[in-house]
Amino acid sequence: MYQEIFSTYNTQAEKLIVPMQQLAKLSLSNYEKMAALQFEIAQSYVDLGIEQMNAILEVKDPESLQAFVSKQADVARNVGEKMIADAKAVAELGNEFNAETQKLARESMNAVVSQAA
């Protein structure tokens, strides 16, 4: 009798643990992807900053200053476009995670409902 109770308890615990493990794996995977994306984004802005500092160091006379200043509108436009693209990439990653967690929740709920029936 006690063996049956323990067996039932273990079976039920397993059914609870498996979805939790799946969610943990999904969360870890999402964290790794998000961290990699953020590092990539940060590196690109660091590279841009260094590029801009090197460009300003090349300014030696009024003509090179004029050339530098005239390029800044393009730099600003490119940074704006990059910021939008970066925000979209982060949002897309978040949306994928959300969809995967909802799918996991539905599958877990369906499994619970089918076992209860």
N, C-alpha and C. Protein backbone atom coordinates (compact mmCIF):
# COMPACT_ATOMS: atom_id res chain seq x y z
N MET A 1 0.81 -1.19 0.00
CA MET A 1 0.00 0.00 0.00
C MET A 1 0.86 1.26 0.00
N TYR A 2 1.86 1.30 0.90
CA TYR A 2 2.74 2.46 0.94
C TYR A 2 3.56 2.58 -0.33
N GLN A 3 3.92 1.42 -0.87
CA GLN A 3 4.67 1.42 -2.12
C GLN A 3 3.86 2.06 -3.23
N GLU A 4 2.59 1.78 -3.27
CA GLU A 4 1.70 2.37 -4.28
C GLU A 4 1.59 3.88 -4.10
N ILE A 5 1.49 4.32 -2.86
CA ILE A 5 1.41 5.77 -2.57
C ILE A 5 2.69 6.46 -3.02
N PHE A 6 3.85 5.87 -2.69
CA PHE A 6 5.13 6.46 -3.10
C PHE A 6 5.28 6.45 -4.62
N SER A 7 4.84 5.38 -5.24
CA SER A 7 4.91 5.29 -6.69
C SER A 7 4.05 6.37 -7.34
N THR A 8 2.83 6.55 -6.82
CA THR A 8 1.93 7.59 -7.34
C THR A 8 2.54 8.97 -7.13
N TYR A 9 3.11 9.19 -5.95
CA TYR A 9 3.74 10.48 -5.63
C TYR A 9 4.90 10.74 -6.60
N ASN A 10 5.75 9.75 -6.82
CA ASN A 10 6.89 9.91 -7.72
C ASN A 10 6.43 10.20 -9.15
N THR A 11 5.39 9.50 -9.58
CA THR A 11 4.86 9.73 -10.92
C THR A 11 4.35 11.16 -11.06
N GLN A 12 3.61 11.62 -10.06
CA GLN A 12 3.07 12.98 -10.10
C GLN A 12 4.19 14.01 -10.02
N ALA A 13 5.18 13.76 -9.19
CA ALA A 13 6.31 14.68 -9.07
C ALA A 13 7.07 14.78 -10.38
N GLU A 14 7.25 13.65 -11.06
CA GLU A 14 7.92 13.64 -12.35
C GLU A 14 7.16 14.48 -13.36
N LYS A 15 5.84 14.35 -13.35
CA LYS A 15 5.01 15.11 -14.29
C LYS A 15 5.11 16.60 -14.04
N LEU A 16 5.40 16.99 -12.81
CA LEU A 16 5.57 18.41 -12.47
C LEU A 16 6.99 18.87 -12.79
N ILE A 17 7.96 18.02 -12.53
CA ILE A 17 9.36 18.41 -12.71
C ILE A 17 9.74 18.55 -14.18
N VAL A 18 9.25 17.67 -15.02
CA VAL A 18 9.63 17.71 -16.44
C VAL A 18 9.27 19.05 -17.08
N PRO A 19 8.04 19.56 -16.93
CA PRO A 19 7.75 20.88 -17.52
C PRO A 19 8.60 21.99 -16.90
N MET A 20 8.91 21.88 -15.61
CA MET A 20 9.74 22.90 -14.97
C MET A 20 11.15 22.86 -15.54
N GLN A 21 11.67 21.67 -15.81
CA GLN A 21 12.99 21.54 -16.43
C GLN A 21 12.98 22.10 -17.85
N GLN A 22 11.92 21.82 -18.57
CA GLN A 22 11.81 22.35 -19.93
C GLN A 22 11.79 23.87 -19.92
N LEU A 23 11.05 24.43 -18.97
CA LEU A 23 11.00 25.89 -18.86
C LEU A 23 12.36 26.45 -18.46
N ALA A 24 13.05 25.77 -17.57
CA ALA A 24 14.39 26.23 -17.16
C ALA A 24 15.35 26.19 -18.35
N LYS A 25 15.30 25.13 -19.15
CA LYS A 25 16.16 25.02 -20.34
C LYS A 25 15.83 26.13 -21.34
N LEU A 26 14.55 26.36 -21.53
CA LEU A 26 14.11 27.41 -22.44
C LEU A 26 14.57 28.78 -21.96
N SER A 27 14.44 29.02 -20.67
CA SER A 27 14.87 30.30 -20.09
C SER A 27 16.38 30.48 -20.23
N LEU A 28 17.13 29.44 -19.95
CA LEU A 28 18.58 29.51 -20.08
C LEU A 28 18.99 29.78 -21.52
N SER A 29 18.36 29.09 -22.45
CA SER A 29 18.66 29.30 -23.86
C SER A 29 18.36 30.74 -24.26
N ASN A 30 17.22 31.25 -23.81
CA ASN A 30 16.86 32.63 -24.13
C ASN A 30 17.85 33.61 -23.50
N TYR A 31 18.26 33.34 -22.28
CA TYR A 31 19.23 34.21 -21.61
C TYR A 31 20.55 34.23 -22.39
N GLU A 32 21.00 33.06 -22.83
CA GLU A 32 22.24 32.99 -23.59
C GLU A 32 22.13 33.77 -24.90
N LYS A 33 21.01 33.60 -25.60
CA LYS A 33 20.81 34.33 -26.85
C LYS A 33 20.75 35.84 -26.61
N MET A 34 20.03 36.24 -25.56
CA MET A 34 19.90 37.67 -25.26
C MET A 34 21.25 38.27 -24.87
N ALA A 35 22.01 37.55 -24.05
CA ALA A 35 23.32 38.04 -23.64
C ALA A 35 24.24 38.19 -24.85
N ALA A 36 24.24 37.18 -25.73
CA ALA A 36 25.07 37.25 -26.94
C ALA A 36 24.67 38.43 -27.81
N LEU A 37 23.38 38.63 -27.97
CA LEU A 37 22.89 39.76 -28.77
C LEU A 37 23.29 41.08 -28.14
N GLN A 38 23.14 41.20 -26.84
CA GLN A 38 23.50 42.45 -26.16
C GLN A 38 25.00 42.72 -26.25
N PHE A 39 25.82 41.67 -26.11
CA PHE A 39 27.26 41.87 -26.26
C PHE A 39 27.60 42.30 -27.67
N GLU A 40 26.96 41.71 -28.65
CA GLU A 40 27.18 42.07 -30.04
C GLU A 40 26.79 43.53 -30.29
N ILE A 41 25.64 43.92 -29.76
CA ILE A 41 25.18 45.30 -29.92
C ILE A 41 26.14 46.26 -29.24
N ALA A 42 26.52 45.94 -28.00
CA ALA A 42 27.44 46.81 -27.26
C ALA A 42 28.77 46.94 -28.00
N GLN A 43 29.28 45.83 -28.51
CA GLN A 43 30.56 45.87 -29.23
C GLN A 43 30.46 46.76 -30.46
N SER A 44 29.34 46.70 -31.15
CA SER A 44 29.19 47.53 -32.34
C SER A 44 29.19 49.02 -31.99
N TYR A 45 28.59 49.39 -30.86
CA TYR A 45 28.61 50.80 -30.45
C TYR A 45 29.99 51.22 -29.95
N VAL A 46 30.70 50.31 -29.30
CA VAL A 46 32.08 50.61 -28.90
C VAL A 46 32.93 50.83 -30.15
N ASP A 47 32.78 49.95 -31.13
CA ASP A 47 33.53 50.09 -32.38
C ASP A 47 33.21 51.42 -33.06
N LEU A 48 31.95 51.79 -33.08
CA LEU A 48 31.54 53.06 -33.67
C LEU A 48 32.19 54.24 -32.93
N GLY A 49 32.18 54.17 -31.61
CA GLY A 49 32.80 55.24 -30.82
C GLY A 49 34.28 55.38 -31.10
N ILE A 50 34.96 54.25 -31.19
CA ILE A 50 36.40 54.27 -31.49
C ILE A 50 36.63 54.82 -32.89
N GLU A 51 35.79 54.39 -33.82
CA GLU A 51 35.89 54.89 -35.19
C GLU A 51 35.71 56.41 -35.23
N GLN A 52 34.76 56.90 -34.48
CA GLN A 52 34.51 58.35 -34.43
C GLN A 52 35.68 59.10 -33.78
N MET A 53 36.25 58.51 -32.73
CA MET A 53 37.40 59.15 -32.08
C MET A 53 38.59 59.18 -33.04
N ASN A 54 38.81 58.11 -33.77
CA ASN A 54 39.90 58.09 -34.75
C ASN A 54 39.65 59.11 -35.85
N ALA A 55 38.40 59.26 -36.26
CA ALA A 55 38.07 60.23 -37.31
C ALA A 55 38.33 61.65 -36.84
N ILE A 56 38.00 61.94 -35.59
CA ILE A 56 38.23 63.31 -35.11
C ILE A 56 39.72 63.58 -34.91
N LEU A 57 40.48 62.54 -34.64
CA LEU A 57 41.93 62.72 -34.52
C LEU A 57 42.57 63.03 -35.86
N GLU A 58 41.88 62.72 -36.95
CA GLU A 58 42.38 63.03 -38.28
C GLU A 58 42.14 64.48 -38.69
N VAL A 59 41.37 65.20 -37.88
CA VAL A 59 41.09 66.60 -38.20
C VAL A 59 42.35 67.42 -37.93
N LYS A 60 42.86 68.04 -39.00
CA LYS A 60 44.11 68.80 -38.90
C LYS A 60 43.96 70.24 -39.39
N ASP A 61 42.92 70.48 -40.15
CA ASP A 61 42.75 71.81 -40.75
C ASP A 61 41.26 72.04 -40.99
N PRO A 62 40.89 73.24 -41.41
CA PRO A 62 39.47 73.54 -41.63
C PRO A 62 38.80 72.61 -42.64
N GLU A 63 39.52 72.20 -43.66
CA GLU A 63 38.92 71.32 -44.66
C GLU A 63 38.60 69.94 -44.08
N SER A 64 39.53 69.39 -43.31
CA SER A 64 39.28 68.07 -42.71
C SER A 64 38.20 68.17 -41.64
N LEU A 65 38.12 69.33 -40.97
CA LEU A 65 37.04 69.54 -40.00
C LEU A 65 35.70 69.58 -40.72
N GLN A 66 35.65 70.27 -41.84
CA GLN A 66 34.43 70.34 -42.64
C GLN A 66 34.01 68.94 -43.11
N ALA A 67 34.97 68.14 -43.55
CA ALA A 67 34.68 66.78 -44.01
C ALA A 67 34.15 65.93 -42.85
N PHE A 68 34.76 66.09 -41.68
CA PHE A 68 34.31 65.34 -40.51
C PHE A 68 32.88 65.73 -40.14
N VAL A 69 32.63 67.02 -40.08
CA VAL A 69 31.31 67.50 -39.68
C VAL A 69 30.26 67.08 -40.70
N SER A 70 30.60 67.12 -41.97
CA SER A 70 29.61 66.74 -43.00
C SER A 70 29.26 65.25 -42.91
N LYS A 71 30.17 64.42 -42.43
CA LYS A 71 29.89 62.99 -42.30
C LYS A 71 29.03 62.68 -41.06
N GLN A 72 28.94 63.62 -40.14
CA GLN A 72 28.23 63.34 -38.90
C GLN A 72 26.72 63.14 -39.10
N ALA A 73 26.15 63.77 -40.11
CA ALA A 73 24.73 63.55 -40.39
C ALA A 73 24.50 62.09 -40.82
N ASP A 74 25.42 61.57 -41.65
CA ASP A 74 25.32 60.16 -42.06
C ASP A 74 25.53 59.23 -40.86
N VAL A 75 26.48 59.57 -40.01
CA VAL A 75 26.73 58.77 -38.82
C VAL A 75 25.49 58.74 -37.94
N ALA A 76 24.90 59.90 -37.72
CA ALA A 76 23.69 59.99 -36.89
C ALA A 76 22.55 59.18 -37.50
N ARG A 77 22.37 59.27 -38.81
CA ARG A 77 21.32 58.51 -39.48
C ARG A 77 21.57 57.01 -39.34
N ASN A 78 22.82 56.60 -39.56
CA ASN A 78 23.17 55.19 -39.43
C ASN A 78 22.97 54.67 -38.00
N VAL A 79 23.33 55.48 -37.03
CA VAL A 79 23.14 55.08 -35.63
C VAL A 79 21.64 54.95 -35.33
N GLY A 80 20.85 55.88 -35.81
CA GLY A 80 19.40 55.81 -35.61
C GLY A 80 18.81 54.54 -36.22
N GLU A 81 19.23 54.22 -37.44
CA GLU A 81 18.75 53.01 -38.10
C GLU A 81 19.21 51.76 -37.36
N LYS A 82 20.44 51.80 -36.87
CA LYS A 82 20.97 50.66 -36.13
C LYS A 82 20.22 50.48 -34.82
N MET A 83 19.91 51.55 -34.15
CA MET A 83 19.17 51.46 -32.89
C MET A 83 17.79 50.82 -33.12
N ILE A 84 17.15 51.22 -34.21
CA ILE A 84 15.84 50.63 -34.54
C ILE A 84 15.99 49.14 -34.84
N ALA A 85 17.00 48.79 -35.62
CA ALA A 85 17.22 47.37 -35.95
C ALA A 85 17.57 46.57 -34.70
N ASP A 86 18.37 47.15 -33.82
CA ASP A 86 18.74 46.46 -32.58
C ASP A 86 17.52 46.25 -31.69
N ALA A 87 16.68 47.26 -31.59
CA ALA A 87 15.46 47.14 -30.78
C ALA A 87 14.54 46.08 -31.35
N LYS A 88 14.45 46.01 -32.68
CA LYS A 88 13.63 44.98 -33.32
C LYS A 88 14.19 43.59 -33.04
N ALA A 89 15.51 43.45 -33.07
CA ALA A 89 16.13 42.15 -32.82
C ALA A 89 15.86 41.69 -31.39
N VAL A 90 15.96 42.61 -30.44
CA VAL A 90 15.68 42.28 -29.03
C VAL A 90 14.21 41.91 -28.86
N ALA A 91 13.33 42.70 -29.48
CA ALA A 91 11.90 42.42 -29.39
C ALA A 91 11.56 41.08 -30.03
N GLU A 92 12.18 40.77 -31.16
CA GLU A 92 11.92 39.50 -31.83
C GLU A 92 12.35 38.32 -30.95
N LEU A 93 13.49 38.47 -30.31
CA LEU A 93 13.95 37.42 -29.41
C LEU A 93 12.97 37.24 -28.25
N GLY A 94 12.48 38.35 -27.72
CA GLY A 94 11.48 38.28 -26.65
C GLY A 94 10.19 37.64 -27.12
N ASN A 95 9.76 37.96 -28.32
CA ASN A 95 8.54 37.37 -28.87
C ASN A 95 8.69 35.86 -29.08
N GLU A 96 9.87 35.45 -29.56
CA GLU A 96 10.12 34.01 -29.74
C GLU A 96 10.06 33.29 -28.39
N PHE A 97 10.67 33.88 -27.38
CA PHE A 97 10.65 33.28 -26.04
C PHE A 97 9.22 33.19 -25.52
N ASN A 98 8.47 34.25 -25.70
CA ASN A 98 7.08 34.27 -25.26
C ASN A 98 6.27 33.18 -25.96
N ALA A 99 6.45 33.05 -27.26
CA ALA A 99 5.72 32.02 -28.02
C ALA A 99 6.11 30.62 -27.55
N GLU A 100 7.38 30.41 -27.31
CA GLU A 100 7.84 29.09 -26.87
C GLU A 100 7.33 28.77 -25.46
N THR A 101 7.30 29.75 -24.58
CA THR A 101 6.79 29.48 -23.22
C THR A 101 5.29 29.23 -23.26
N GLN A 102 4.56 29.95 -24.12
CA GLN A 102 3.13 29.70 -24.25
C GLN A 102 2.87 28.30 -24.80
N LYS A 103 3.67 27.89 -25.77
CA LYS A 103 3.53 26.54 -26.33
C LYS A 103 3.79 25.49 -25.24
N LEU A 104 4.84 25.70 -24.46
CA LEU A 104 5.16 24.78 -23.38
C LEU A 104 4.03 24.74 -22.35
N ALA A 105 3.47 25.88 -22.02
CA ALA A 105 2.37 25.94 -21.06
C ALA A 105 1.14 25.19 -21.60
N ARG A 106 0.84 25.39 -22.89
CA ARG A 106 -0.30 24.68 -23.49
C ARG A 106 -0.08 23.18 -23.47
N GLU A 107 1.12 22.75 -23.84
CA GLU A 107 1.42 21.32 -23.85
C GLU A 107 1.31 20.73 -22.44
N SER A 108 1.82 21.45 -21.46
CA SER A 108 1.74 20.98 -20.07
C SER A 108 0.30 20.92 -19.60
N MET A 109 -0.47 21.93 -19.95
CA MET A 109 -1.88 21.97 -19.55
C MET A 109 -2.66 20.83 -20.22
N ASN A 110 -2.38 20.61 -21.49
CA ASN A 110 -3.05 19.52 -22.20
C ASN A 110 -2.70 18.17 -21.58
N ALA A 111 -1.47 18.00 -21.18
CA ALA A 111 -1.05 16.74 -20.55
C ALA A 111 -1.77 16.55 -19.22
N VAL A 112 -1.91 17.61 -18.44
CA VAL A 112 -2.61 17.53 -17.15
C VAL A 112 -4.08 17.22 -17.37
N VAL A 113 -4.69 17.88 -18.33
CA VAL A 113 -6.12 17.69 -18.60
C VAL A 113 -6.37 16.27 -19.12
N SER A 114 -5.50 15.79 -20.00
CA SER A 114 -5.71 14.44 -20.54
C SER A 114 -5.52 13.37 -19.46
N GLN A 115 -4.66 13.61 -18.51
CA GLN A 115 -4.45 12.65 -17.44
C GLN A 115 -5.60 12.70 -16.44
N ALA A 116 -6.19 13.85 -16.28
CA ALA A 116 -7.30 14.00 -15.34
C ALA A 116 -8.57 13.35 -15.89
N ALA A 117 -8.66 13.29 -17.22
CA ALA A 117 -9.86 12.74 -17.85
C ALA A 117 -9.93 11.26 -17.84
